[in-house]
Amino acid sequence: MNLYDVLGIDRNATQNRIKKAHRNLVKQLHPDIGGDPIRFAEVQAAYEVLINEELREEYDRTGIIPKRAANNLSAQAHQLFLQLFIGVVQNIAKSGQDPEQFDLVNMIEQKANAIIANEIESGINSSKHTNEILNKMINRFKSKEKGKEPFSHAILRSAITNNENHIRQLEEQRRVINHLIVLLDDLVFEAKTRTTTVVFTGSSTTYGTSYTRSW
């Protein structure tokens, strides 16, 4: 299955072109309006790969649909949306404000971007920097017994592996968050008023909703 052919676009299509093609096909194929459910599923799978820059690059490079793509990525993004939505609404309610006065889509997107900026990127950079140091220092430990590897080498290599696993986990979280941000682009929340600005500064690996308000 060629994902570009599924959406009826060429390989150089922009993200806006991908979104437009997806919207048009969904209007024709959605099962709720009597469309073809198999064709609809193919369109959804193609869209979820091509709209994500990292997944698209992997697909273009290998010609293979990434295993982590499609339904799994959407399911995680949907769960993340629910977590952020509930957390944002609860925090607004605690402040004594009416959640309906806020642009909740914008707030969720701000929170998602704050997680990437304040947690994901800093975590990846920190782990990479630590591994650079560990790799440089590992051979400075020597065993007094000639020809014997010091016990420290195995411990440090284990630490390096743990950091590499942590980086992969953070990169996967970033893919999920970026996919949610893409999905939010098609979502609008009609607030009663839009006079409140919320600036997120907090972050959490469990996608918490700590924030500061500026009125």
Protein backbone atom coordinates (compact mmCIF):
# COMPACT_ATOMS: atom_id res chain seq x y z
CA MET A 1 0.00 0.00 0.00
CA ASN A 2 1.45 3.35 -1.06
CA LEU A 3 0.36 5.89 1.53
CA TYR A 4 0.60 8.80 -0.88
CA ASP A 5 -1.63 7.04 -3.39
CA VAL A 6 -4.15 6.29 -0.61
CA LEU A 7 -4.57 10.02 0.01
CA GLY A 8 -4.26 10.90 -3.69
CA ILE A 9 -1.26 13.20 -3.20
CA ASP A 10 2.33 13.32 -4.45
CA ARG A 11 5.43 12.68 -2.35
CA ASN A 12 6.22 16.40 -2.09
CA ALA A 13 2.83 17.31 -0.62
CA THR A 14 2.87 19.89 2.16
CA GLN A 15 1.21 19.27 5.51
CA ASN A 16 -1.65 21.57 4.51
CA ARG A 17 -2.17 19.52 1.34
CA ILE A 18 -2.16 16.31 3.38
CA LYS A 19 -4.75 17.74 5.78
CA LYS A 20 -6.97 18.93 2.93
CA ALA A 21 -6.82 15.57 1.16
CA HIS A 22 -7.61 13.76 4.41
CA ARG A 23 -10.62 15.99 5.18
CA ASN A 24 -12.07 15.51 1.70
CA LEU A 25 -11.71 11.72 1.87
CA VAL A 26 -13.16 11.51 5.38
CA LYS A 27 -16.26 13.39 4.19
CA GLN A 28 -16.71 10.76 1.47
CA LEU A 29 -15.71 7.59 3.31
CA HIS A 30 -16.71 7.96 6.96
CA PRO A 31 -18.74 4.87 8.01
CA ASP A 32 -21.26 7.09 9.83
CA ILE A 33 -22.42 8.43 6.48
CA GLY A 34 -22.39 5.09 4.71
CA GLY A 35 -18.80 5.16 3.52
CA ASP A 36 -16.47 2.22 2.98
CA PRO A 37 -15.03 1.29 6.43
CA ILE A 38 -12.02 -0.54 4.95
CA ARG A 39 -11.08 2.35 2.69
CA PHE A 40 -11.69 4.76 5.57
CA ALA A 41 -9.28 2.81 7.81
CA GLU A 42 -6.64 2.92 5.06
CA VAL A 43 -7.04 6.69 4.77
CA GLN A 44 -6.73 7.14 8.52
CA ALA A 45 -3.60 4.98 8.68
CA ALA A 46 -1.98 6.85 5.78
CA TYR A 47 -2.83 10.23 7.28
CA GLU A 48 -1.43 9.39 10.70
CA VAL A 49 1.92 8.46 9.19
CA LEU A 50 2.29 11.25 6.63
CA ILE A 51 1.14 14.06 8.92
CA ASN A 52 3.82 13.13 11.45
CA GLU A 53 7.19 14.39 10.21
CA GLU A 54 9.26 11.70 11.93
CA LEU A 55 7.03 8.84 10.79
CA ARG A 56 6.86 10.26 7.29
CA GLU A 57 10.65 10.50 7.08
CA GLU A 58 10.96 6.89 8.21
CA TYR A 59 8.37 5.75 5.67
CA ASP A 60 10.03 7.73 2.84
CA ARG A 61 13.41 6.28 3.76
CA THR A 62 12.39 2.64 4.15
CA GLY A 63 9.15 2.28 2.21
CA ILE A 64 7.78 0.42 5.25
CA ILE A 65 4.88 1.68 7.35
CA PRO A 66 6.32 2.27 10.87
CA LYS A 67 5.04 -0.31 13.34
CA ARG A 68 4.41 2.32 15.98
CA ALA A 69 2.18 4.30 13.62
CA ALA A 70 -1.54 4.41 12.95
CA ASN A 71 -3.97 3.22 15.59
CA ASN A 72 -1.44 2.89 18.39
CA LEU A 73 -0.25 6.48 17.94
CA SER A 74 -3.80 7.81 17.75
CA ALA A 75 -4.89 5.81 20.79
CA GLN A 76 -2.05 7.30 22.84
CA ALA A 77 -2.82 10.80 21.57
CA HIS A 78 -6.51 10.37 22.44
CA GLN A 79 -5.62 9.23 25.95
CA LEU A 80 -3.26 12.18 26.35
CA PHE A 81 -6.01 14.57 25.22
CA LEU A 82 -8.32 13.17 27.89
CA GLN A 83 -5.67 13.54 30.60
CA LEU A 84 -4.83 17.12 29.63
CA PHE A 85 -8.48 18.09 29.21
CA ILE A 86 -9.49 16.78 32.64
CA GLY A 87 -6.44 18.31 34.33
CA VAL A 88 -6.91 21.73 32.72
CA VAL A 89 -10.62 21.85 33.57
CA GLN A 90 -9.99 20.76 37.17
CA ASN A 91 -7.34 23.43 37.69
CA ILE A 92 -9.59 26.14 36.24
CA ALA A 93 -12.46 25.00 38.47
CA LYS A 94 -10.19 25.13 41.53
CA SER A 95 -9.40 28.75 40.71
CA GLY A 96 -13.10 29.57 40.91
CA GLN A 97 -13.39 30.33 37.21
CA ASP A 98 -15.87 28.92 34.72
CA PRO A 99 -14.07 26.55 32.29
CA GLU A 100 -16.51 27.59 29.55
CA GLN A 101 -14.93 31.05 29.53
CA PHE A 102 -11.60 29.62 28.36
CA ASP A 103 -10.42 28.49 24.95
CA LEU A 104 -9.75 24.94 26.09
CA VAL A 105 -8.27 23.78 22.79
CA ASN A 106 -5.69 26.56 22.96
CA MET A 107 -4.93 25.74 26.59
CA ILE A 108 -4.44 22.04 25.87
CA GLU A 109 -2.16 22.89 22.95
CA GLN A 110 -0.15 25.27 25.15
CA LYS A 111 0.21 22.56 27.77
CA ALA A 112 1.29 20.00 25.17
CA ASN A 113 3.93 22.39 23.80
CA ALA A 114 5.08 23.18 27.35
CA ILE A 115 5.64 19.48 28.05
CA ILE A 116 7.81 19.20 24.95
CA ALA A 117 9.79 22.36 25.69
CA ASN A 118 10.15 22.04 29.47
CA GLU A 119 10.44 18.31 29.89
CA ILE A 120 10.93 16.23 26.76
CA GLU A 121 13.66 18.26 25.06
CA SER A 122 15.52 19.01 28.29
CA GLY A 123 15.32 15.35 29.32
CA ILE A 124 16.69 14.16 25.98
CA ASN A 125 19.50 16.72 26.00
CA SER A 126 20.41 15.91 29.60
CA SER A 127 20.57 12.16 28.95
CA LYS A 128 22.63 12.65 25.79
CA HIS A 129 25.06 14.93 27.62
CA THR A 130 25.39 12.42 30.46
CA ASN A 131 26.15 9.62 28.01
CA GLU A 132 28.81 11.74 26.31
CA ILE A 133 30.53 12.13 29.66
CA LEU A 134 30.14 8.45 30.58
CA ASN A 135 31.57 7.33 27.24
CA LYS A 136 34.54 9.64 27.66
CA MET A 137 35.22 8.59 31.24
CA ILE A 138 34.58 4.85 31.09
CA ASN A 139 38.10 3.91 29.98
CA ARG A 140 39.73 6.06 32.65
CA PHE A 141 38.92 3.33 35.16
CA LYS A 142 41.58 0.62 35.07
CA SER A 143 41.92 -2.64 36.95
CA LYS A 144 45.08 -3.10 39.00
CA GLU A 145 45.14 -6.66 37.69
CA LYS A 146 46.56 -6.58 34.17
CA GLY A 147 44.22 -7.81 31.44
CA LYS A 148 41.17 -7.77 33.70
CA GLU A 149 38.23 -5.48 32.98
CA PRO A 150 37.33 -3.38 36.01
CA PHE A 151 33.87 -3.93 37.48
CA SER A 152 33.14 -0.23 36.87
CA HIS A 153 32.94 -0.76 33.09
CA ALA A 154 29.88 -3.01 33.30
CA ILE A 155 28.17 -0.58 35.69
CA LEU A 156 28.85 2.44 33.48
CA ARG A 157 27.76 0.61 30.32
CA SER A 158 24.52 -0.29 32.09
CA ALA A 159 24.01 3.38 32.97
CA ILE A 160 24.60 4.33 29.33
CA THR A 161 22.04 1.75 28.17
CA ASN A 162 19.50 3.05 30.70
CA ASN A 163 19.99 6.58 29.41
CA GLU A 164 19.57 5.41 25.81
CA ASN A 165 16.30 3.68 26.75
CA HIS A 166 15.16 6.85 28.51
CA ILE A 167 15.90 8.89 25.39
CA ARG A 168 13.83 6.49 23.26
CA GLN A 169 10.93 6.73 25.71
CA LEU A 170 11.04 10.53 25.64
CA GLU A 171 11.22 10.54 21.85
CA GLU A 172 8.14 8.31 21.73
CA GLN A 173 6.32 10.66 24.12
CA ARG A 174 7.28 13.55 21.84
CA ARG A 175 5.81 11.73 18.84
CA VAL A 176 2.54 11.21 20.71
CA ILE A 177 2.37 14.84 21.82
CA ASN A 178 3.17 16.12 18.33
CA HIS A 179 0.43 13.88 16.94
CA LEU A 180 -2.03 15.32 19.45
CA ILE A 181 -1.04 18.85 18.42
CA VAL A 182 -1.80 17.92 14.81
CA LEU A 183 -5.21 16.56 15.82
CA LEU A 184 -5.96 19.72 17.82
CA ASP A 185 -5.52 21.76 14.64
CA ASP A 186 -8.91 20.48 13.47
CA LEU A 187 -10.64 21.12 16.81
CA VAL A 188 -12.38 24.30 18.00
CA PHE A 189 -13.82 25.06 21.45
CA GLU A 190 -16.44 27.79 21.44
CA ALA A 191 -15.71 29.62 24.69
CA LYS A 192 -18.23 32.04 26.20
CA THR A 193 -15.50 34.69 26.25
CA ARG A 194 -11.86 34.72 25.20
CA THR A 195 -10.43 37.40 27.46
CA THR A 196 -8.26 35.12 29.59
CA THR A 197 -4.70 34.21 28.76
CA VAL A 198 -3.13 31.17 30.39
CA VAL A 199 0.63 30.70 30.21
CA PHE A 200 1.84 27.21 31.08
CA THR A 201 5.18 26.86 32.80
CA GLY A 202 4.91 23.47 34.47
CA SER A 203 5.70 20.01 33.15
CA SER A 204 5.18 16.43 34.18
CA THR A 205 6.12 13.01 32.84
CA THR A 206 2.56 11.95 33.61
CA TYR A 207 1.23 14.91 31.62
CA GLY A 208 0.09 16.84 34.68
CA THR A 209 -1.44 20.28 34.42
CA SER A 210 0.55 22.60 36.65
CA TYR A 211 0.34 26.15 35.30
CA THR A 212 0.47 29.82 36.14
CA ARG A 213 -2.30 32.19 35.09
CA SER A 214 -1.85 35.70 33.74
CA TRP A 215 -5.00 37.73 33.60
